Amino acid sequence: MQQERNALLALLKDECEKYTQIPSSENRAKQEQKKFIYGIMTASRVVGISYEELETIVNAMSTQPQFKDLDEKLAVPTYIRDKVQLEL
C-alpha cells in the first residue's frame, strides 16, 4: 500500500509540474490536465492519502503559468526548460 501512495504522490507532483508548463493561451490543454490531476487526487484519497498531503503538493505548484504562449515556450531551449545538466 505504501508503494501505491508514493507512486501516486510522485505522479501528482509530475503532473502538477506539467500543468505549470502549459502556456496560458492553451485553455483546452490546461482544462484537460486539471481534470487529470483531479482524477489522481481522487485515486490518492482512495489509497488513504490525506487532504493535507495533497494540499502541500498543490500549494507548492506555481500559480502563474511559466509561458504565456507557445512561441514564448519555444524561445527557451528544451534542455533549459527541462533542467537537463549537460556534460562536456
PDB file of N, CA and C in Angstrom:
ATOM      1  N   MET A   1       0.825  -1.199   0.000  1.00  0.00           N
ATOM      2  CA  MET A   1       0.000   0.000   0.000  1.00  0.00           C
ATOM      3  C   MET A   1       0.863   1.254   0.000  1.00  0.00           C
ATOM      4  N   GLN A   2       1.988   1.206   0.716  1.00  0.00           N
ATOM      5  CA  GLN A   2       2.873   2.364   0.776  1.00  0.00           C
ATOM      6  C   GLN A   2       3.454   2.684  -0.599  1.00  0.00           C
ATOM      7  N   GLN A   3       3.725   1.657  -1.395  1.00  0.00           N
ATOM      8  CA  GLN A   3       4.265   1.880  -2.740  1.00  0.00           C
ATOM      9  C   GLN A   3       3.256   2.622  -3.609  1.00  0.00           C
ATOM     10  N   GLU A   4       1.982   2.248  -3.496  1.00  0.00           N
ATOM     11  CA  GLU A   4       0.941   2.929  -4.272  1.00  0.00           C
ATOM     12  C   GLU A   4       0.829   4.394  -3.855  1.00  0.00           C
ATOM     13  N   ARG A   5       0.909   4.633  -2.561  1.00  0.00           N
ATOM     14  CA  ARG A   5       0.851   6.014  -2.057  1.00  0.00           C
ATOM     15  C   ARG A   5       2.001   6.842  -2.623  1.00  0.00           C
ATOM     16  N   ASN A   6       3.210   6.289  -2.537  1.00  0.00           N
ATOM     17  CA  ASN A   6       4.383   7.014  -3.028  1.00  0.00           C
ATOM     18  C   ASN A   6       4.307   7.232  -4.531  1.00  0.00           C
ATOM     19  N   ALA A   7       3.830   6.221  -5.267  1.00  0.00           N
ATOM     20  CA  ALA A   7       3.711   6.342  -6.724  1.00  0.00           C
ATOM     21  C   ALA A   7       2.697   7.421  -7.094  1.00  0.00           C
ATOM     22  N   LEU A   8       1.565   7.447  -6.406  1.00  0.00           N
ATOM     23  CA  LEU A   8       0.552   8.470  -6.694  1.00  0.00           C
ATOM     24  C   LEU A   8       1.040   9.873  -6.345  1.00  0.00           C
ATOM     25  N   LEU A   9       1.738  10.004  -5.235  1.00  0.00           N
ATOM     26  CA  LEU A   9       2.265  11.318  -4.858  1.00  0.00           C
ATOM     27  C   LEU A   9       3.306  11.797  -5.867  1.00  0.00           C
ATOM     28  N   ALA A  10       4.157  10.897  -6.330  1.00  0.00           N
ATOM     29  CA  ALA A  10       5.160  11.256  -7.338  1.00  0.00           C
ATOM     30  C   ALA A  10       4.483  11.628  -8.650  1.00  0.00           C
ATOM     31  N   LEU A  11       3.465  10.858  -9.031  1.00  0.00           N
ATOM     32  CA  LEU A  11       2.735  11.155 -10.266  1.00  0.00           C
ATOM     33  C   LEU A  11       2.036  12.509 -10.164  1.00  0.00           C
ATOM     34  N   LEU A  12       1.444  12.782  -9.020  1.00  0.00           N
ATOM     35  CA  LEU A  12       0.770  14.068  -8.821  1.00  0.00           C
ATOM     36  C   LEU A  12       1.758  15.228  -8.943  1.00  0.00           C
ATOM     37  N   LYS A  13       2.928  15.092  -8.345  1.00  0.00           N
ATOM     38  CA  LYS A  13       3.943  16.144  -8.451  1.00  0.00           C
ATOM     39  C   LYS A  13       4.346  16.368  -9.906  1.00  0.00           C
ATOM     40  N   ASP A  14       4.560  15.265 -10.639  1.00  0.00           N
ATOM     41  CA  ASP A  14       4.952  15.370 -12.052  1.00  0.00           C
ATOM     42  C   ASP A  14       3.870  16.046 -12.882  1.00  0.00           C
ATOM     43  N   GLU A  15       2.623  15.636 -12.671  1.00  0.00           N
ATOM     44  CA  GLU A  15       1.525  16.198 -13.449  1.00  0.00           C
ATOM     45  C   GLU A  15       1.273  17.663 -13.099  1.00  0.00           C
ATOM     46  N   CYS A  16       1.475  18.038 -11.853  1.00  0.00           N
ATOM     47  CA  CYS A  16       1.351  19.450 -11.472  1.00  0.00           C
ATOM     48  C   CYS A  16       2.440  20.273 -12.157  1.00  0.00           C
ATOM     49  N   GLU A  17       3.639  19.715 -12.244  1.00  0.00           N
ATOM     50  CA  GLU A  17       4.732  20.396 -12.956  1.00  0.00           C
ATOM     51  C   GLU A  17       4.390  20.556 -14.436  1.00  0.00           C
ATOM     52  N   LYS A  18       3.832  19.507 -15.035  1.00  0.00           N
ATOM     53  CA  LYS A  18       3.427  19.582 -16.446  1.00  0.00           C
ATOM     54  C   LYS A  18       2.346  20.645 -16.633  1.00  0.00           C
ATOM     55  N   TYR A  19       1.432  20.732 -15.673  1.00  0.00           N
ATOM     56  CA  TYR A  19       0.356  21.722 -15.748  1.00  0.00           C
ATOM     57  C   TYR A  19       0.917  23.136 -15.804  1.00  0.00           C
ATOM     58  N   THR A  20       1.938  23.402 -14.998  1.00  0.00           N
ATOM     59  CA  THR A  20       2.508  24.747 -14.989  1.00  0.00           C
ATOM     60  C   THR A  20       3.302  25.033 -16.253  1.00  0.00           C
ATOM     61  N   GLN A  21       3.690  24.001 -16.993  1.00  0.00           N
ATOM     62  CA  GLN A  21       4.439  24.174 -18.236  1.00  0.00           C
ATOM     63  C   GLN A  21       3.526  24.521 -19.420  1.00  0.00           C
ATOM     64  N   ILE A  22       2.233  24.300 -19.278  1.00  0.00           N
ATOM     65  CA  ILE A  22       1.294  24.571 -20.368  1.00  0.00           C
ATOM     66  C   ILE A  22       1.095  26.078 -20.482  1.00  0.00           C
ATOM     67  N   PRO A  23       1.304  26.642 -21.675  1.00  0.00           N
ATOM     68  CA  PRO A  23       1.102  28.086 -21.846  1.00  0.00           C
ATOM     69  C   PRO A  23      -0.336  28.497 -21.504  1.00  0.00           C
ATOM     70  N   SER A  24      -0.499  29.668 -20.955  1.00  0.00           N
ATOM     71  CA  SER A  24      -1.828  30.130 -20.540  1.00  0.00           C
ATOM     72  C   SER A  24      -2.773  30.311 -21.720  1.00  0.00           C
ATOM     73  N   SER A  25      -2.236  30.417 -22.920  1.00  0.00           N
ATOM     74  CA  SER A  25      -3.092  30.583 -24.095  1.00  0.00           C
ATOM     75  C   SER A  25      -3.748  29.273 -24.525  1.00  0.00           C
ATOM     76  N   GLU A  26      -3.280  28.146 -24.020  1.00  0.00           N
ATOM     77  CA  GLU A  26      -3.833  26.836 -24.386  1.00  0.00           C
ATOM     78  C   GLU A  26      -4.835  26.381 -23.328  1.00  0.00           C
ATOM     79  N   ASN A  27      -6.022  26.985 -23.383  1.00  0.00           N
ATOM     80  CA  ASN A  27      -7.035  26.741 -22.358  1.00  0.00           C
ATOM     81  C   ASN A  27      -7.500  25.295 -22.315  1.00  0.00           C
ATOM     82  N   ARG A  28      -7.712  24.714 -23.483  1.00  0.00           N
ATOM     83  CA  ARG A  28      -8.220  23.332 -23.530  1.00  0.00           C
ATOM     84  C   ARG A  28      -7.216  22.362 -22.903  1.00  0.00           C
ATOM     85  N   ALA A  29      -5.947  22.516 -23.227  1.00  0.00           N
ATOM     86  CA  ALA A  29      -4.914  21.636 -22.668  1.00  0.00           C
ATOM     87  C   ALA A  29      -4.835  21.805 -21.157  1.00  0.00           C
ATOM     88  N   LYS A  30      -4.973  23.042 -20.683  1.00  0.00           N
ATOM     89  CA  LYS A  30      -4.938  23.283 -19.235  1.00  0.00           C
ATOM     90  C   LYS A  30      -6.135  22.623 -18.548  1.00  0.00           C
ATOM     91  N   GLN A  31      -7.317  22.706 -19.163  1.00  0.00           N
ATOM     92  CA  GLN A  31      -8.513  22.088 -18.588  1.00  0.00           C
ATOM     93  C   GLN A  31      -8.360  20.571 -18.514  1.00  0.00           C
ATOM     94  N   GLU A  32      -7.848  19.974 -19.594  1.00  0.00           N
ATOM     95  CA  GLU A  32      -7.671  18.524 -19.614  1.00  0.00           C
ATOM     96  C   GLU A  32      -6.661  18.081 -18.563  1.00  0.00           C
ATOM     97  N   GLN A  33      -5.571  18.819 -18.436  1.00  0.00           N
ATOM     98  CA  GLN A  33      -4.551  18.473 -17.443  1.00  0.00           C
ATOM     99  C   GLN A  33      -5.108  18.624 -16.033  1.00  0.00           C
ATOM    100  N   LYS A  34      -5.916  19.666 -15.817  1.00  0.00           N
ATOM    101  CA  LYS A  34      -6.506  19.880 -14.492  1.00  0.00           C
ATOM    102  C   LYS A  34      -7.447  18.728 -14.141  1.00  0.00           C
ATOM    103  N   LYS A  35      -8.237  18.249 -15.104  1.00  0.00           N
ATOM    104  CA  LYS A  35      -9.134  17.119 -14.856  1.00  0.00           C
ATOM    105  C   LYS A  35      -8.332  15.865 -14.524  1.00  0.00           C
ATOM    106  N   PHE A  36      -7.223  15.666 -15.215  1.00  0.00           N
ATOM    107  CA  PHE A  36      -6.367  14.517 -14.941  1.00  0.00           C
ATOM    108  C   PHE A  36      -5.808  14.598 -13.528  1.00  0.00           C
ATOM    109  N   ILE A  37      -5.386  15.789 -13.123  1.00  0.00           N
ATOM    110  CA  ILE A  37      -4.870  15.983 -11.763  1.00  0.00           C
ATOM    111  C   ILE A  37      -5.962  15.698 -10.731  1.00  0.00           C
ATOM    112  N   TYR A  38      -7.195  16.137 -11.002  1.00  0.00           N
ATOM    113  CA  TYR A  38      -8.296  15.847 -10.083  1.00  0.00           C
ATOM    114  C   TYR A  38      -8.513  14.340  -9.957  1.00  0.00           C
ATOM    115  N   GLY A  39      -8.377  13.613 -11.071  1.00  0.00           N
ATOM    116  CA  GLY A  39      -8.514  12.155 -11.040  1.00  0.00           C
ATOM    117  C   GLY A  39      -7.438  11.507 -10.182  1.00  0.00           C
ATOM    118  N   ILE A  40      -6.216  11.991 -10.318  1.00  0.00           N
ATOM    119  CA  ILE A  40      -5.117  11.467  -9.497  1.00  0.00           C
ATOM    120  C   ILE A  40      -5.388  11.754  -8.016  1.00  0.00           C
ATOM    121  N   MET A  41      -5.909  12.940  -7.739  1.00  0.00           N
ATOM    122  CA  MET A  41      -6.207  13.299  -6.346  1.00  0.00           C
ATOM    123  C   MET A  41      -7.310  12.406  -5.778  1.00  0.00           C
ATOM    124  N   THR A  42      -8.302  12.072  -6.600  1.00  0.00           N
ATOM    125  CA  THR A  42      -9.369  11.174  -6.155  1.00  0.00           C
ATOM    126  C   THR A  42      -8.813   9.785  -5.863  1.00  0.00           C
ATOM    127  N   ALA A  43      -7.972   9.287  -6.761  1.00  0.00           N
ATOM    128  CA  ALA A  43      -7.341   7.982  -6.542  1.00  0.00           C
ATOM    129  C   ALA A  43      -6.466   8.010  -5.289  1.00  0.00           C
ATOM    130  N   SER A  44      -5.822   9.128  -5.051  1.00  0.00           N
ATOM    131  CA  SER A  44      -4.975   9.266  -3.869  1.00  0.00           C
ATOM    132  C   SER A  44      -5.793   9.144  -2.592  1.00  0.00           C
ATOM    133  N   ARG A  45      -6.958   9.727  -2.598  1.00  0.00           N
ATOM    134  CA  ARG A  45      -7.827   9.639  -1.423  1.00  0.00           C
ATOM    135  C   ARG A  45      -8.267   8.201  -1.184  1.00  0.00           C
ATOM    136  N   VAL A  46      -8.469   7.432  -2.261  1.00  0.00           N
ATOM    137  CA  VAL A  46      -8.894   6.041  -2.128  1.00  0.00           C
ATOM    138  C   VAL A  46      -7.826   5.203  -1.424  1.00  0.00           C
ATOM    139  N   VAL A  47      -6.554   5.475  -1.715  1.00  0.00           N
ATOM    140  CA  VAL A  47      -5.483   4.694  -1.079  1.00  0.00           C
ATOM    141  C   VAL A  47      -5.049   5.284   0.263  1.00  0.00           C
ATOM    142  N   GLY A  48      -5.747   6.306   0.730  1.00  0.00           N
ATOM    143  CA  GLY A  48      -5.516   6.793   2.086  1.00  0.00           C
ATOM    144  C   GLY A  48      -4.609   7.998   2.228  1.00  0.00           C
ATOM    145  N   ILE A  49      -4.343   8.706   1.159  1.00  0.00           N
ATOM    146  CA  ILE A  49      -3.529   9.917   1.255  1.00  0.00           C
ATOM    147  C   ILE A  49      -4.421  11.049   1.786  1.00  0.00           C
ATOM    148  N   SER A  50      -3.929  11.762   2.756  1.00  0.00           N
ATOM    149  CA  SER A  50      -4.744  12.791   3.412  1.00  0.00           C
ATOM    150  C   SER A  50      -4.858  14.052   2.558  1.00  0.00           C
ATOM    151  N   TYR A  51      -5.869  14.848   2.886  1.00  0.00           N
ATOM    152  CA  TYR A  51      -6.049  16.130   2.208  1.00  0.00           C
ATOM    153  C   TYR A  51      -4.841  17.036   2.430  1.00  0.00           C
ATOM    154  N   GLU A  52      -4.261  16.953   3.614  1.00  0.00           N
ATOM    155  CA  GLU A  52      -3.117  17.801   3.927  1.00  0.00           C
ATOM    156  C   GLU A  52      -1.921  17.476   3.024  1.00  0.00           C
ATOM    157  N   GLU A  53      -1.684  16.175   2.772  1.00  0.00           N
ATOM    158  CA  GLU A  53      -0.584  15.788   1.884  1.00  0.00           C
ATOM    159  C   GLU A  53      -0.827  16.296   0.464  1.00  0.00           C
ATOM    160  N   LEU A  54      -2.073  16.164   0.013  1.00  0.00           N
ATOM    161  CA  LEU A  54      -2.414  16.648  -1.330  1.00  0.00           C
ATOM    162  C   LEU A  54      -2.298  18.164  -1.402  1.00  0.00           C
ATOM    163  N   GLU A  55      -2.746  18.819  -0.362  1.00  0.00           N
ATOM    164  CA  GLU A  55      -2.712  20.281  -0.333  1.00  0.00           C
ATOM    165  C   GLU A  55      -1.277  20.802  -0.391  1.00  0.00           C
ATOM    166  N   THR A  56      -0.357  20.128   0.281  1.00  0.00           N
ATOM    167  CA  THR A  56       1.046  20.590   0.241  1.00  0.00           C
ATOM    168  C   THR A  56       1.610  20.515  -1.166  1.00  0.00           C
ATOM    169  N   ILE A  57       1.270  19.467  -1.891  1.00  0.00           N
ATOM    170  CA  ILE A  57       1.769  19.331  -3.264  1.00  0.00           C
ATOM    171  C   ILE A  57       1.161  20.405  -4.158  1.00  0.00           C
ATOM    172  N   VAL A  58      -0.144  20.583  -4.052  1.00  0.00           N
ATOM    173  CA  VAL A  58      -0.826  21.564  -4.904  1.00  0.00           C
ATOM    174  C   VAL A  58      -0.392  22.979  -4.558  1.00  0.00           C
ATOM    175  N   ASN A  59      -0.201  23.292  -3.294  1.00  0.00           N
ATOM    176  CA  ASN A  59       0.230  24.634  -2.897  1.00  0.00           C
ATOM    177  C   ASN A  59       1.661  24.930  -3.325  1.00  0.00           C
ATOM    178  N   ALA A  60       2.479  23.893  -3.447  1.00  0.00           N
ATOM    179  CA  ALA A  60       3.860  24.085  -3.892  1.00  0.00           C
ATOM    180  C   ALA A  60       3.924  24.391  -5.388  1.00  0.00           C
ATOM    181  N   MET A  61       2.854  24.093  -6.076  1.00  0.00           N
ATOM    182  CA  MET A  61       2.782  24.330  -7.522  1.00  0.00           C
ATOM    183  C   MET A  61       2.700  25.829  -7.782  1.00  0.00           C
ATOM    184  N   SER A  62       3.401  26.282  -8.801  1.00  0.00           N
ATOM    185  CA  SER A  62       3.367  27.697  -9.173  1.00  0.00           C
ATOM    186  C   SER A  62       1.968  28.061  -9.660  1.00  0.00           C
ATOM    187  N   THR A  63       1.457  29.203  -9.211  1.00  0.00           N
ATOM    188  CA  THR A  63       0.126  29.614  -9.638  1.00  0.00           C
ATOM    189  C   THR A  63       0.139  30.307 -10.992  1.00  0.00           C
ATOM    190  N   GLN A  64       1.261  30.848 -11.366  1.00  0.00           N
ATOM    191  CA  GLN A  64       1.377  31.539 -12.646  1.00  0.00           C
ATOM    192  C   GLN A  64       1.966  30.592 -13.693  1.00  0.00           C
ATOM    193  N   PRO A  65       1.374  30.546 -14.885  1.00  0.00           N
ATOM    194  CA  PRO A  65       1.989  29.732 -15.932  1.00  0.00           C
ATOM    195  C   PRO A  65       3.354  30.308 -16.292  1.00  0.00           C
ATOM    196  N   GLN A  66       4.282  29.429 -16.635  1.00  0.00           N
ATOM    197  CA  GLN A  66       5.623  29.896 -16.934  1.00  0.00           C
ATOM    198  C   GLN A  66       5.692  30.625 -18.275  1.00  0.00           C
ATOM    199  N   PHE A  67       4.794  30.278 -19.186  1.00  0.00           N
ATOM    200  CA  PHE A  67       4.826  30.875 -20.523  1.00  0.00           C
ATOM    201  C   PHE A  67       3.425  31.345 -20.897  1.00  0.00           C
ATOM    202  N   LYS A  68       3.368  32.488 -21.587  1.00  0.00           N
ATOM    203  CA  LYS A  68       2.050  32.986 -21.967  1.00  0.00           C
ATOM    204  C   LYS A  68       1.561  32.379 -23.275  1.00  0.00           C
ATOM    205  N   ASP A  69       2.463  31.941 -24.144  1.00  0.00           N
ATOM    206  CA  ASP A  69       2.055  31.273 -25.370  1.00  0.00           C
ATOM    207  C   ASP A  69       3.146  30.312 -25.834  1.00  0.00           C
ATOM    208  N   LEU A  70       2.846  29.560 -26.869  1.00  0.00           N
ATOM    209  CA  LEU A  70       3.767  28.537 -27.352  1.00  0.00           C
ATOM    210  C   LEU A  70       5.063  29.136 -27.876  1.00  0.00           C
ATOM    211  N   ASP A  71       4.992  30.282 -28.525  1.00  0.00           N
ATOM    212  CA  ASP A  71       6.208  30.919 -29.041  1.00  0.00           C
ATOM    213  C   ASP A  71       7.175  31.268 -27.914  1.00  0.00           C
ATOM    214  N   GLU A  72       6.633  31.757 -26.834  1.00  0.00           N
ATOM    215  CA  GLU A  72       7.486  32.099 -25.693  1.00  0.00           C
ATOM    216  C   GLU A  72       8.118  30.839 -25.106  1.00  0.00           C
ATOM    217  N   LYS A  73       7.336  29.758 -25.050  1.00  0.00           N
ATOM    218  CA  LYS A  73       7.867  28.498 -24.528  1.00  0.00           C
ATOM    219  C   LYS A  73       8.988  27.974 -25.423  1.00  0.00           C
ATOM    220  N   LEU A  74       8.792  28.038 -26.728  1.00  0.00           N
ATOM    221  CA  LEU A  74       9.786  27.511 -27.656  1.00  0.00           C
ATOM    222  C   LEU A  74      11.029  28.392 -27.745  1.00  0.00           C
ATOM    223  N   ALA A  75      10.935  29.615 -27.265  1.00  0.00           N
ATOM    224  CA  ALA A  75      12.096  30.505 -27.276  1.00  0.00           C
ATOM    225  C   ALA A  75      13.148  30.050 -26.262  1.00  0.00           C
ATOM    226  N   VAL A  76      12.723  29.275 -25.277  1.00  0.00           N
ATOM    227  CA  VAL A  76      13.654  28.755 -24.273  1.00  0.00           C
ATOM    228  C   VAL A  76      14.090  27.357 -24.720  1.00  0.00           C
ATOM    229  N   PRO A  77      15.383  27.103 -24.835  1.00  0.00           N
ATOM    230  CA  PRO A  77      15.841  25.777 -25.265  1.00  0.00           C
ATOM    231  C   PRO A  77      15.329  24.672 -24.331  1.00  0.00           C
ATOM    232  N   THR A  78      15.044  23.528 -24.903  1.00  0.00           N
ATOM    233  CA  THR A  78      14.469  22.415 -24.158  1.00  0.00           C
ATOM    234  C   THR A  78      15.326  21.995 -22.983  1.00  0.00           C
ATOM    235  N   TYR A  79      16.637  21.945 -23.170  1.00  0.00           N
ATOM    236  CA  TYR A  79      17.490  21.498 -22.068  1.00  0.00           C
ATOM    237  C   TYR A  79      17.429  22.460 -20.881  1.00  0.00           C
ATOM    238  N   ILE A  80      17.129  23.718 -21.137  1.00  0.00           N
ATOM    239  CA  ILE A  80      16.973  24.681 -20.039  1.00  0.00           C
ATOM    240  C   ILE A  80      15.589  24.520 -19.408  1.00  0.00           C
ATOM    241  N   ARG A  81      14.551  24.402 -20.252  1.00  0.00           N
ATOM    242  CA  ARG A  81      13.187  24.212 -19.739  1.00  0.00           C
ATOM    243  C   ARG A  81      13.087  22.969 -18.870  1.00  0.00           C
ATOM    244  N   ASP A  82      13.731  21.888 -19.312  1.00  0.00           N
ATOM    245  CA  ASP A  82      13.641  20.615 -18.594  1.00  0.00           C
ATOM    246  C   ASP A  82      14.740  20.437 -17.557  1.00  0.00           C
ATOM    247  N   LYS A  83      15.539  21.483 -17.358  1.00  0.00           N
ATOM    248  CA  LYS A  83      16.600  21.493 -16.346  1.00  0.00           C
ATOM    249  C   LYS A  83      17.561  20.313 -16.499  1.00  0.00           C
ATOM    250  N   VAL A  84      17.990  20.075 -17.736  1.00  0.00           N
ATOM    251  CA  VAL A  84      18.930  18.995 -18.019  1.00  0.00           C
ATOM    252  C   VAL A  84      20.351  19.528 -17.869  1.00  0.00           C
ATOM    253  N   GLN A  85      21.180  18.780 -17.160  1.00  0.00           N
ATOM    254  CA  GLN A  85      22.577  19.158 -16.985  1.00  0.00           C
ATOM    255  C   GLN A  85      23.389  18.588 -18.143  1.00  0.00           C
ATOM    256  N   LEU A  86      24.049  19.438 -18.884  1.00  0.00           N
ATOM    257  CA  LEU A  86      24.875  18.997 -19.996  1.00  0.00           C
ATOM    258  C   LEU A  86      26.265  18.633 -19.498  1.00  0.00           C
ATOM    259  N   GLU A  87      26.773  17.523 -20.006  1.00  0.00           N
ATOM    260  CA  GLU A  87      28.123  17.105 -19.647  1.00  0.00           C
ATOM    261  C   GLU A  87      29.033  17.347 -20.840  1.00  0.00           C
ATOM    262  N   LEU A  88      30.139  17.996 -20.589  1.00  0.00           N
ATOM    263  CA  LEU A  88      31.095  18.283 -21.658  1.00  0.00           C
ATOM    264  C   LEU A  88      32.287  17.366 -21.576  1.00  0.00           C
TER     265      LEU A  88
END
